[in-house]
PDB file of N, CA and C in Angstrom:
ATOM      1  N   MET A   1      12.925 -39.612 -33.504  1.00  0.00           N
ATOM      2  CA  MET A   1      12.471 -39.174 -32.222  1.00  0.00           C
ATOM      3  C   MET A   1      11.517 -40.173 -31.585  1.00  0.00           C
ATOM      4  N   THR A   2      10.842 -40.936 -32.337  1.00  0.00           N
ATOM      5  CA  THR A   2       9.924 -41.903 -31.751  1.00  0.00           C
ATOM      6  C   THR A   2      10.663 -43.007 -31.026  1.00  0.00           C
ATOM      7  N   THR A   3      11.921 -43.223 -31.325  1.00  0.00           N
ATOM      8  CA  THR A   3      12.667 -44.264 -30.625  1.00  0.00           C
ATOM      9  C   THR A   3      13.086 -43.822 -29.228  1.00  0.00           C
ATOM     10  N   GLU A   4      13.020 -42.537 -28.955  1.00  0.00           N
ATOM     11  CA  GLU A   4      13.439 -42.035 -27.648  1.00  0.00           C
ATOM     12  C   GLU A   4      12.306 -42.057 -26.619  1.00  0.00           C
ATOM     13  N   LEU A   5      11.150 -42.538 -26.970  1.00  0.00           N
ATOM     14  CA  LEU A   5      10.014 -42.521 -26.059  1.00  0.00           C
ATOM     15  C   LEU A   5      10.209 -43.446 -24.877  1.00  0.00           C
ATOM     16  N   HIS A   6      10.919 -44.521 -25.036  1.00  0.00           N
ATOM     17  CA  HIS A   6      11.011 -45.522 -23.983  1.00  0.00           C
ATOM     18  C   HIS A   6      12.351 -45.477 -23.249  1.00  0.00           C
ATOM     19  N   GLU A   7      12.928 -44.324 -23.118  1.00  0.00           N
ATOM     20  CA  GLU A   7      14.213 -44.221 -22.441  1.00  0.00           C
ATOM     21  C   GLU A   7      14.078 -44.213 -20.919  1.00  0.00           C
ATOM     22  N   GLY A   8      12.940 -43.895 -20.391  1.00  0.00           N
ATOM     23  CA  GLY A   8      12.747 -43.880 -18.949  1.00  0.00           C
ATOM     24  C   GLY A   8      12.245 -42.516 -18.492  1.00  0.00           C
ATOM     25  N   PRO A   9      11.954 -42.433 -17.219  1.00  0.00           N
ATOM     26  CA  PRO A   9      11.418 -41.162 -16.712  1.00  0.00           C
ATOM     27  C   PRO A   9      12.486 -40.073 -16.684  1.00  0.00           C
ATOM     28  N   LEU A  10      12.018 -38.860 -16.817  1.00  0.00           N
ATOM     29  CA  LEU A  10      12.920 -37.716 -16.763  1.00  0.00           C
ATOM     30  C   LEU A  10      13.303 -37.441 -15.316  1.00  0.00           C
ATOM     31  N   GLU A  11      14.506 -37.000 -15.115  1.00  0.00           N
ATOM     32  CA  GLU A  11      14.943 -36.652 -13.774  1.00  0.00           C
ATOM     33  C   GLU A  11      14.444 -35.253 -13.412  1.00  0.00           C
ATOM     34  N   ALA A  12      14.110 -35.108 -12.175  1.00  0.00           N
ATOM     35  CA  ALA A  12      13.661 -33.802 -11.703  1.00  0.00           C
ATOM     36  C   ALA A  12      14.870 -32.871 -11.634  1.00  0.00           C
ATOM     37  N   PRO A  13      14.659 -31.617 -12.018  1.00  0.00           N
ATOM     38  CA  PRO A  13      15.790 -30.688 -11.944  1.00  0.00           C
ATOM     39  C   PRO A  13      16.199 -30.475 -10.483  1.00  0.00           C
ATOM     40  N   ALA A  14      17.453 -30.339 -10.281  1.00  0.00           N
ATOM     41  CA  ALA A  14      17.964 -30.137  -8.932  1.00  0.00           C
ATOM     42  C   ALA A  14      17.600 -28.743  -8.455  1.00  0.00           C
ATOM     43  N   VAL A  15      16.950 -28.696  -7.308  1.00  0.00           N
ATOM     44  CA  VAL A  15      16.532 -27.418  -6.727  1.00  0.00           C
ATOM     45  C   VAL A  15      17.524 -27.071  -5.625  1.00  0.00           C
ATOM     46  N   ALA A  16      18.095 -25.914  -5.756  1.00  0.00           N
ATOM     47  CA  ALA A  16      19.054 -25.475  -4.742  1.00  0.00           C
ATOM     48  C   ALA A  16      18.287 -25.036  -3.505  1.00  0.00           C
ATOM     49  N   THR A  17      18.591 -25.636  -2.372  1.00  0.00           N
ATOM     50  CA  THR A  17      17.928 -25.241  -1.139  1.00  0.00           C
ATOM     51  C   THR A  17      18.522 -23.915  -0.676  1.00  0.00           C
ATOM     52  N   PRO A  18      17.653 -22.996  -0.262  1.00  0.00           N
ATOM     53  CA  PRO A  18      18.184 -21.705   0.176  1.00  0.00           C
ATOM     54  C   PRO A  18      19.002 -21.882   1.459  1.00  0.00           C
ATOM     55  N   ALA A  19      20.022 -21.082   1.568  1.00  0.00           N
ATOM     56  CA  ALA A  19      20.880 -21.159   2.743  1.00  0.00           C
ATOM     57  C   ALA A  19      20.102 -20.698   3.967  1.00  0.00           C
ATOM     58  N   LYS A  20      20.316 -21.375   5.077  1.00  0.00           N
ATOM     59  CA  LYS A  20      19.637 -21.018   6.311  1.00  0.00           C
ATOM     60  C   LYS A  20      20.178 -19.680   6.809  1.00  0.00           C
ATOM     61  N   LEU A  21      19.255 -18.817   7.253  1.00  0.00           N
ATOM     62  CA  LEU A  21      19.651 -17.502   7.735  1.00  0.00           C
ATOM     63  C   LEU A  21      20.354 -17.628   9.079  1.00  0.00           C
ATOM     64  N   THR A  22      21.314 -16.777   9.290  1.00  0.00           N
ATOM     65  CA  THR A  22      21.983 -16.748  10.580  1.00  0.00           C
ATOM     66  C   THR A  22      21.049 -16.124  11.609  1.00  0.00           C
ATOM     67  N   TRP A  23      21.402 -16.209  12.881  1.00  0.00           N
ATOM     68  CA  TRP A  23      20.532 -15.656  13.910  1.00  0.00           C
ATOM     69  C   TRP A  23      20.444 -14.145  13.806  1.00  0.00           C
ATOM     70  N   ARG A  24      21.500 -13.496  13.332  1.00  0.00           N
ATOM     71  CA  ARG A  24      21.443 -12.037  13.154  1.00  0.00           C
ATOM     72  C   ARG A  24      20.511 -11.662  12.011  1.00  0.00           C
ATOM     73  N   GLN A  25      20.553 -12.432  10.932  1.00  0.00           N
ATOM     74  CA  GLN A  25      19.660 -12.164   9.811  1.00  0.00           C
ATOM     75  C   GLN A  25      18.213 -12.441  10.199  1.00  0.00           C
ATOM     76  N   GLN A  26      17.974 -13.489  10.966  1.00  0.00           N
ATOM     77  CA  GLN A  26      16.616 -13.775  11.430  1.00  0.00           C
ATOM     78  C   GLN A  26      16.109 -12.655  12.326  1.00  0.00           C
ATOM     79  N   ARG A  27      16.976 -12.149  13.216  1.00  0.00           N
ATOM     80  CA  ARG A  27      16.596 -11.047  14.090  1.00  0.00           C
ATOM     81  C   ARG A  27      16.271  -9.801  13.277  1.00  0.00           C
ATOM     82  N   GLN A  28      17.055  -9.547  12.230  1.00  0.00           N
ATOM     83  CA  GLN A  28      16.809  -8.382  11.384  1.00  0.00           C
ATOM     84  C   GLN A  28      15.471  -8.506  10.664  1.00  0.00           C
ATOM     85  N   VAL A  29      15.138  -9.701  10.203  1.00  0.00           N
ATOM     86  CA  VAL A  29      13.856  -9.916   9.531  1.00  0.00           C
ATOM     87  C   VAL A  29      12.709  -9.700  10.516  1.00  0.00           C
ATOM     88  N   ARG A  30      12.835 -10.250  11.726  1.00  0.00           N
ATOM     89  CA  ARG A  30      11.789 -10.055  12.742  1.00  0.00           C
ATOM     90  C   ARG A  30      11.637  -8.585  13.101  1.00  0.00           C
ATOM     91  N   ARG A  31      12.763  -7.895  13.233  1.00  0.00           N
ATOM     92  CA  ARG A  31      12.732  -6.474  13.582  1.00  0.00           C
ATOM     93  C   ARG A  31      12.049  -5.659  12.480  1.00  0.00           C
ATOM     94  N   ARG A  32      12.357  -5.979  11.227  1.00  0.00           N
ATOM     95  CA  ARG A  32      11.746  -5.264  10.105  1.00  0.00           C
ATOM     96  C   ARG A  32      10.238  -5.479  10.089  1.00  0.00           C
ATOM     97  N   ARG A  33       9.789  -6.710  10.340  1.00  0.00           N
ATOM     98  CA  ARG A  33       8.351  -6.994  10.387  1.00  0.00           C
ATOM     99  C   ARG A  33       7.687  -6.245  11.535  1.00  0.00           C
ATOM    100  N   ARG A  34       8.349  -6.230  12.698  1.00  0.00           N
ATOM    101  CA  ARG A  34       7.781  -5.555  13.861  1.00  0.00           C
ATOM    102  C   ARG A  34       7.664  -4.056  13.621  1.00  0.00           C
ATOM    103  N   VAL A  35       8.657  -3.470  12.968  1.00  0.00           N
ATOM    104  CA  VAL A  35       8.619  -2.036  12.690  1.00  0.00           C
ATOM    105  C   VAL A  35       7.453  -1.713  11.765  1.00  0.00           C
ATOM    106  N   TRP A  36       7.245  -2.519  10.739  1.00  0.00           N
ATOM    107  CA  TRP A  36       6.113  -2.288   9.840  1.00  0.00           C
ATOM    108  C   TRP A  36       4.790  -2.434  10.586  1.00  0.00           C
ATOM    109  N   PHE A  37       4.685  -3.467  11.419  1.00  0.00           N
ATOM    110  CA  PHE A  37       3.458  -3.686  12.179  1.00  0.00           C
ATOM    111  C   PHE A  37       3.185  -2.512  13.115  1.00  0.00           C
ATOM    112  N   GLU A  38       4.226  -2.044  13.811  1.00  0.00           N
ATOM    113  CA  GLU A  38       4.042  -0.924  14.722  1.00  0.00           C
ATOM    114  C   GLU A  38       3.674   0.351  13.977  1.00  0.00           C
ATOM    115  N   GLU A  39       4.230   0.545  12.807  1.00  0.00           N
ATOM    116  CA  GLU A  39       3.905   1.737  12.013  1.00  0.00           C
ATOM    117  C   GLU A  39       2.432   1.727  11.591  1.00  0.00           C
ATOM    118  N   ILE A  40       1.977   0.591  11.106  1.00  0.00           N
ATOM    119  CA  ILE A  40       0.573   0.476  10.691  1.00  0.00           C
ATOM    120  C   ILE A  40      -0.345   0.633  11.892  1.00  0.00           C
ATOM    121  N   LEU A  41       0.018  -0.004  13.003  1.00  0.00           N
ATOM    122  CA  LEU A  41      -0.782   0.099  14.210  1.00  0.00           C
ATOM    123  C   LEU A  41      -0.847   1.543  14.706  1.00  0.00           C
ATOM    124  N   GLY A  42       0.272   2.253  14.595  1.00  0.00           N
ATOM    125  CA  GLY A  42       0.300   3.657  15.003  1.00  0.00           C
ATOM    126  C   GLY A  42      -0.617   4.527  14.156  1.00  0.00           C
ATOM    127  N   TRP A  43      -0.623   4.284  12.847  1.00  0.00           N
ATOM    128  CA  TRP A  43      -1.485   5.067  11.967  1.00  0.00           C
ATOM    129  C   TRP A  43      -2.956   4.814  12.244  1.00  0.00           C
ATOM    130  N   ILE A  44      -3.277   3.673  12.824  1.00  0.00           N
ATOM    131  CA  ILE A  44      -4.673   3.367  13.144  1.00  0.00           C
ATOM    132  C   ILE A  44      -5.019   3.850  14.548  1.00  0.00           C
ATOM    133  N   LEU A  45      -4.150   3.582  15.521  1.00  0.00           N
ATOM    134  CA  LEU A  45      -4.487   3.867  16.915  1.00  0.00           C
ATOM    135  C   LEU A  45      -4.387   5.337  17.306  1.00  0.00           C
ATOM    136  N   VAL A  46      -3.431   6.066  16.784  1.00  0.00           N
ATOM    137  CA  VAL A  46      -3.264   7.471  17.185  1.00  0.00           C
ATOM    138  C   VAL A  46      -4.499   8.307  16.862  1.00  0.00           C
ATOM    139  N   PRO A  47      -5.046   8.235  15.639  1.00  0.00           N
ATOM    140  CA  PRO A  47      -6.282   9.008  15.404  1.00  0.00           C
ATOM    141  C   PRO A  47      -7.437   8.553  16.293  1.00  0.00           C
ATOM    142  N   LEU A  48      -7.534   7.241  16.559  1.00  0.00           N
ATOM    143  CA  LEU A  48      -8.602   6.771  17.439  1.00  0.00           C
ATOM    144  C   LEU A  48      -8.436   7.312  18.855  1.00  0.00           C
ATOM    145  N   ILE A  49      -7.220   7.372  19.337  1.00  0.00           N
ATOM    146  CA  ILE A  49      -6.972   7.897  20.687  1.00  0.00           C
ATOM    147  C   ILE A  49      -7.280   9.393  20.750  1.00  0.00           C
ATOM    148  N   VAL A  50      -6.882  10.137  19.719  1.00  0.00           N
ATOM    149  CA  VAL A  50      -7.140  11.581  19.706  1.00  0.00           C
ATOM    150  C   VAL A  50      -8.634  11.866  19.651  1.00  0.00           C
ATOM    151  N   ILE A  51      -9.345  11.192  18.765  1.00  0.00           N
ATOM    152  CA  ILE A  51     -10.793  11.407  18.643  1.00  0.00           C
ATOM    153  C   ILE A  51     -11.509  10.951  19.912  1.00  0.00           C
ATOM    154  N   GLY A  52     -11.087   9.811  20.464  1.00  0.00           N
ATOM    155  CA  GLY A  52     -11.695   9.318  21.695  1.00  0.00           C
ATOM    156  C   GLY A  52     -11.468  10.258  22.861  1.00  0.00           C
ATOM    157  N   SER A  53     -10.280  10.839  22.944  1.00  0.00           N
ATOM    158  CA  SER A  53      -9.996  11.801  24.020  1.00  0.00           C
ATOM    159  C   SER A  53     -10.879  13.037  23.887  1.00  0.00           C
ATOM    160  N   TYR A  54     -11.050  13.524  22.668  1.00  0.00           N
ATOM    161  CA  TYR A  54     -11.905  14.692  22.445  1.00  0.00           C
ATOM    162  C   TYR A  54     -13.341  14.384  22.877  1.00  0.00           C
ATOM    163  N   TRP A  55     -13.840  13.213  22.467  1.00  0.00           N
ATOM    164  CA  TRP A  55     -15.208  12.827  22.850  1.00  0.00           C
ATOM    165  C   TRP A  55     -15.336  12.674  24.364  1.00  0.00           C
ATOM    166  N   LEU A  56     -14.326  12.129  25.002  1.00  0.00           N
ATOM    167  CA  LEU A  56     -14.369  11.957  26.455  1.00  0.00           C
ATOM    168  C   LEU A  56     -14.403  13.313  27.153  1.00  0.00           C
ATOM    169  N   ILE A  57     -13.580  14.255  26.698  1.00  0.00           N
ATOM    170  CA  ILE A  57     -13.568  15.596  27.300  1.00  0.00           C
ATOM    171  C   ILE A  57     -14.922  16.275  27.112  1.00  0.00           C
ATOM    172  N   GLU A  58     -15.473  16.172  25.913  1.00  0.00           N
ATOM    173  CA  GLU A  58     -16.789  16.768  25.649  1.00  0.00           C
ATOM    174  C   GLU A  58     -17.859  16.132  26.530  1.00  0.00           C
ATOM    175  N   LEU A  59     -17.795  14.823  26.698  1.00  0.00           N
ATOM    176  CA  LEU A  59     -18.778  14.112  27.509  1.00  0.00           C
ATOM    177  C   LEU A  59     -18.691  14.549  28.970  1.00  0.00           C
ATOM    178  N   VAL A  60     -17.481  14.644  29.493  1.00  0.00           N
ATOM    179  CA  VAL A  60     -17.298  15.061  30.891  1.00  0.00           C
ATOM    180  C   VAL A  60     -17.760  16.502  31.075  1.00  0.00           C
ATOM    181  N   LEU A  61     -17.396  17.377  30.157  1.00  0.00           N
ATOM    182  CA  LEU A  61     -17.805  18.787  30.292  1.00  0.00           C
ATOM    183  C   LEU A  61     -19.314  18.938  30.173  1.00  0.00           C
ATOM    184  N   ASN A  62     -19.933  18.184  29.273  1.00  0.00           N
ATOM    185  CA  ASN A  62     -21.397  18.236  29.174  1.00  0.00           C
ATOM    186  C   ASN A  62     -22.043  17.695  30.450  1.00  0.00           C
ATOM    187  N   GLY A  63     -21.428  16.683  31.037  1.00  0.00           N
ATOM    188  CA  GLY A  63     -21.952  16.150  32.289  1.00  0.00           C
ATOM    189  C   GLY A  63     -21.848  17.153  33.424  1.00  0.00           C
ATOM    190  N   LEU A  64     -20.844  17.993  33.390  1.00  0.00           N
ATOM    191  CA  LEU A  64     -20.679  19.037  34.402  1.00  0.00           C
ATOM    192  C   LEU A  64     -21.482  20.291  34.087  1.00  0.00           C
ATOM    193  N   GLY A  65     -22.128  20.322  32.928  1.00  0.00           N
ATOM    194  CA  GLY A  65     -22.978  21.454  32.570  1.00  0.00           C
ATOM    195  C   GLY A  65     -22.223  22.609  31.946  1.00  0.00           C
ATOM    196  N   THR A  66     -21.097  22.367  31.343  1.00  0.00           N
ATOM    197  CA  THR A  66     -20.333  23.431  30.705  1.00  0.00           C
ATOM    198  C   THR A  66     -19.860  22.939  29.335  1.00  0.00           C
ATOM    199  N   SER A  67     -19.067  23.775  28.668  1.00  0.00           N
ATOM    200  CA  SER A  67     -18.550  23.403  27.358  1.00  0.00           C
ATOM    201  C   SER A  67     -17.139  23.953  27.207  1.00  0.00           C
ATOM    202  N   THR A  68     -16.473  23.534  26.165  1.00  0.00           N
ATOM    203  CA  THR A  68     -15.111  24.035  25.935  1.00  0.00           C
ATOM    204  C   THR A  68     -15.137  25.529  25.640  1.00  0.00           C
ATOM    205  N   GLU A  69     -16.172  25.975  24.947  1.00  0.00           N
ATOM    206  CA  GLU A  69     -16.277  27.402  24.624  1.00  0.00           C
ATOM    207  C   GLU A  69     -16.408  28.240  25.898  1.00  0.00           C
ATOM    208  N   ALA A  70     -17.188  27.760  26.862  1.00  0.00           N
ATOM    209  CA  ALA A  70     -17.357  28.490  28.127  1.00  0.00           C
ATOM    210  C   ALA A  70     -16.040  28.528  28.899  1.00  0.00           C
ATOM    211  N   ILE A  71     -15.299  27.452  28.875  1.00  0.00           N
ATOM    212  CA  ILE A  71     -14.004  27.426  29.574  1.00  0.00           C
ATOM    213  C   ILE A  71     -13.030  28.390  28.917  1.00  0.00           C
ATOM    214  N   ILE A  72     -12.997  28.416  27.585  1.00  0.00           N
ATOM    215  CA  ILE A  72     -12.108  29.333  26.874  1.00  0.00           C
ATOM    216  C   ILE A  72     -12.487  30.783  27.165  1.00  0.00           C
ATOM    217  N   ASN A  73     -13.779  31.060  27.191  1.00  0.00           N
ATOM    218  CA  ASN A  73     -14.231  32.419  27.525  1.00  0.00           C
ATOM    219  C   ASN A  73     -13.838  32.795  28.960  1.00  0.00           C
ATOM    220  N   GLY A  74     -13.937  31.860  29.890  1.00  0.00           N
ATOM    221  CA  GLY A  74     -13.548  32.124  31.269  1.00  0.00           C
ATOM    222  C   GLY A  74     -12.050  32.382  31.394  1.00  0.00           C
ATOM    223  N   ILE A  75     -11.240  31.624  30.683  1.00  0.00           N
ATOM    224  CA  ILE A  75      -9.798  31.847  30.705  1.00  0.00           C
ATOM    225  C   ILE A  75      -9.448  33.192  30.096  1.00  0.00           C
ATOM    226  N   SER A  76     -10.148  33.555  29.016  1.00  0.00           N
ATOM    227  CA  SER A  76      -9.915  34.862  28.392  1.00  0.00           C
ATOM    228  C   SER A  76     -10.285  35.992  29.348  1.00  0.00           C
ATOM    229  N   ALA A  77     -11.378  35.837  30.102  1.00  0.00           N
ATOM    230  CA  ALA A  77     -11.790  36.863  31.070  1.00  0.00           C
ATOM    231  C   ALA A  77     -10.762  36.985  32.194  1.00  0.00           C
ATOM    232  N   LEU A  78     -10.219  35.842  32.635  1.00  0.00           N
ATOM    233  CA  LEU A  78      -9.189  35.887  33.673  1.00  0.00           C
ATOM    234  C   LEU A  78      -7.927  36.590  33.174  1.00  0.00           C
ATOM    235  N   LYS A  79      -7.532  36.309  31.952  1.00  0.00           N
ATOM    236  CA  LYS A  79      -6.350  36.957  31.401  1.00  0.00           C
ATOM    237  C   LYS A  79      -6.562  38.452  31.218  1.00  0.00           C
ATOM    238  N   ALA A  80      -7.785  38.848  30.855  1.00  0.00           N
ATOM    239  CA  ALA A  80      -8.065  40.261  30.660  1.00  0.00           C
ATOM    240  C   ALA A  80      -8.043  41.022  31.982  1.00  0.00           C
ATOM    241  N   ASN A  81      -8.394  40.362  33.082  1.00  0.00           N
ATOM    242  CA  ASN A  81      -8.407  41.016  34.397  1.00  0.00           C
ATOM    243  C   ASN A  81      -7.040  41.079  35.040  1.00  0.00           C
ATOM    244  N   LEU A  82      -6.097  40.327  34.548  1.00  0.00           N
ATOM    245  CA  LEU A  82      -4.752  40.354  35.140  1.00  0.00           C
ATOM    246  C   LEU A  82      -3.946  41.477  34.643  1.00  0.00           C
TER     247      LEU A  82
END
């Protein structure tokens, strides 16, 4: 085995280049990424929008000097009189 030391450098193994994706496959990959991104964004933004809307309604009603409970009581009184 010591005589084989000076045979020369080893050749690099041949690496198979991956086949280029077709335009339909590229579109499918982009679509899949976009769907995941939109799903994650939805899980973050929807609760923020709901909570923000509730806070905005409370803020406006407090600014007008009333509350949601007073409005519900008023609607109940109107329904009882009808």
